[in-house]
Amino acid sequence: MNKTGVTPSPPIGIAPHDRSTHMELSAILTPAPEGGYIAFNPETGTTTQGETVEDALANLREATALYLEEFPLKIVARPLLTTFEIAEYA
């Protein structure tokens, strides 16, 4: 809490529990046609899969951590996730 009694928000991309060692990233999970889930991290482009949501997220954490070891990333803003419509196709 600061002098005004307000708890400041952590910087974007840093989880509030440990600002020095953890990053908060995005995950988009999509059901896979063959079963399970495809997991995608838009900040890094890493993609993986898993039989359950938990497996897919665990695999995405591992893949993203390995990616970030080689290609460090400073998060300046979170991606905006939205939806849009298109005309049906034949």
Protein backbone atom coordinates (compact mmCIF):
# COMPACT_ATOMS: atom_id res chain seq x y z
CA MET A 1 0.00 0.00 0.00
CA ASN A 2 1.24 3.49 -0.73
CA LYS A 3 0.69 6.70 1.28
CA THR A 4 -2.77 7.19 -0.23
CA GLY A 5 -3.92 3.76 0.96
CA VAL A 6 -4.03 2.34 -2.56
CA THR A 7 -2.18 -0.83 -3.47
CA PRO A 8 -0.39 -0.15 -6.76
CA SER A 9 -0.87 -2.59 -9.64
CA PRO A 10 2.17 -4.59 -10.74
CA PRO A 11 3.75 -3.68 -14.06
CA ILE A 12 2.04 -5.33 -17.05
CA GLY A 13 3.45 -8.78 -17.65
CA ILE A 14 4.57 -9.31 -14.04
CA ALA A 15 2.47 -11.42 -11.71
CA PRO A 16 1.74 -9.68 -8.39
CA HIS A 17 3.05 -12.53 -6.18
CA ASP A 18 6.70 -12.34 -7.27
CA ARG A 19 7.71 -9.51 -9.53
CA SER A 20 11.33 -10.60 -9.76
CA THR A 21 10.98 -14.14 -11.11
CA HIS A 22 7.55 -14.59 -12.71
CA MET A 23 5.87 -13.25 -15.84
CA GLU A 24 2.15 -13.34 -16.42
CA LEU A 25 1.48 -14.36 -20.02
CA SER A 26 -1.59 -15.20 -22.09
CA ALA A 27 -2.80 -18.65 -23.14
CA ILE A 28 -5.41 -19.44 -25.76
CA LEU A 29 -6.70 -23.01 -25.63
CA THR A 30 -8.67 -24.54 -28.48
CA PRO A 31 -10.18 -28.03 -28.56
CA ALA A 32 -8.13 -30.18 -30.96
CA PRO A 33 -10.02 -32.15 -33.67
CA GLU A 34 -8.32 -35.39 -32.56
CA GLY A 35 -9.08 -34.73 -28.88
CA GLY A 36 -7.30 -32.76 -26.19
CA TYR A 37 -6.35 -29.11 -26.52
CA ILE A 38 -4.02 -26.90 -28.53
CA ALA A 39 -2.42 -24.19 -26.40
CA PHE A 40 -1.02 -20.97 -27.90
CA ASN A 41 0.89 -18.12 -26.27
CA PRO A 42 0.45 -14.96 -28.40
CA GLU A 43 3.31 -13.04 -26.79
CA THR A 44 5.92 -15.56 -27.96
CA GLY A 45 4.11 -17.58 -30.61
CA THR A 46 4.78 -20.85 -28.75
CA THR A 47 2.21 -23.55 -29.41
CA THR A 48 1.79 -26.99 -27.88
CA GLN A 49 -0.91 -29.48 -26.95
CA GLY A 50 -2.19 -31.66 -24.13
CA GLU A 51 -4.89 -34.21 -23.39
CA THR A 52 -6.46 -31.96 -20.72
CA VAL A 53 -6.53 -28.21 -20.10
CA GLU A 54 -4.06 -28.72 -17.26
CA ASP A 55 -1.70 -30.77 -19.47
CA ALA A 56 -1.89 -28.24 -22.28
CA LEU A 57 -1.10 -25.36 -19.90
CA ALA A 58 1.78 -27.27 -18.28
CA ASN A 59 3.22 -28.02 -21.72
CA LEU A 60 2.77 -24.38 -22.77
CA ARG A 61 4.56 -23.17 -19.63
CA GLU A 62 7.49 -25.45 -20.40
CA ALA A 63 7.65 -24.57 -24.11
CA THR A 64 7.38 -20.84 -23.40
CA ALA A 65 10.05 -20.96 -20.67
CA LEU A 66 12.44 -22.73 -23.06
CA TYR A 67 11.67 -20.16 -25.78
CA LEU A 68 12.31 -17.27 -23.37
CA GLU A 69 15.69 -18.73 -22.35
CA GLU A 70 16.83 -18.24 -25.96
CA PHE A 71 14.78 -15.16 -26.83
CA PRO A 72 14.23 -12.94 -23.75
CA LEU A 73 11.11 -10.82 -23.95
CA LYS A 74 10.06 -7.64 -22.18
CA ILE A 75 6.28 -7.49 -22.00
CA VAL A 76 5.05 -3.93 -22.51
CA ALA A 77 1.34 -4.65 -23.02
CA ARG A 78 -0.99 -7.60 -22.94
CA PRO A 79 -2.61 -8.80 -26.15
CA LEU A 80 -6.22 -7.82 -26.67
CA LEU A 81 -8.40 -10.87 -27.27
CA THR A 82 -11.68 -10.26 -29.03
CA THR A 83 -13.96 -11.92 -31.57
CA PHE A 84 -15.21 -10.89 -34.99
CA GLU A 85 -17.69 -12.13 -37.56
CA ILE A 86 -17.28 -12.99 -41.25
CA ALA A 87 -19.79 -14.03 -43.86
CA GLU A 88 -20.37 -17.76 -44.06
CA TYR A 89 -18.40 -19.51 -46.75
CA ALA A 90 -19.54 -22.34 -49.04
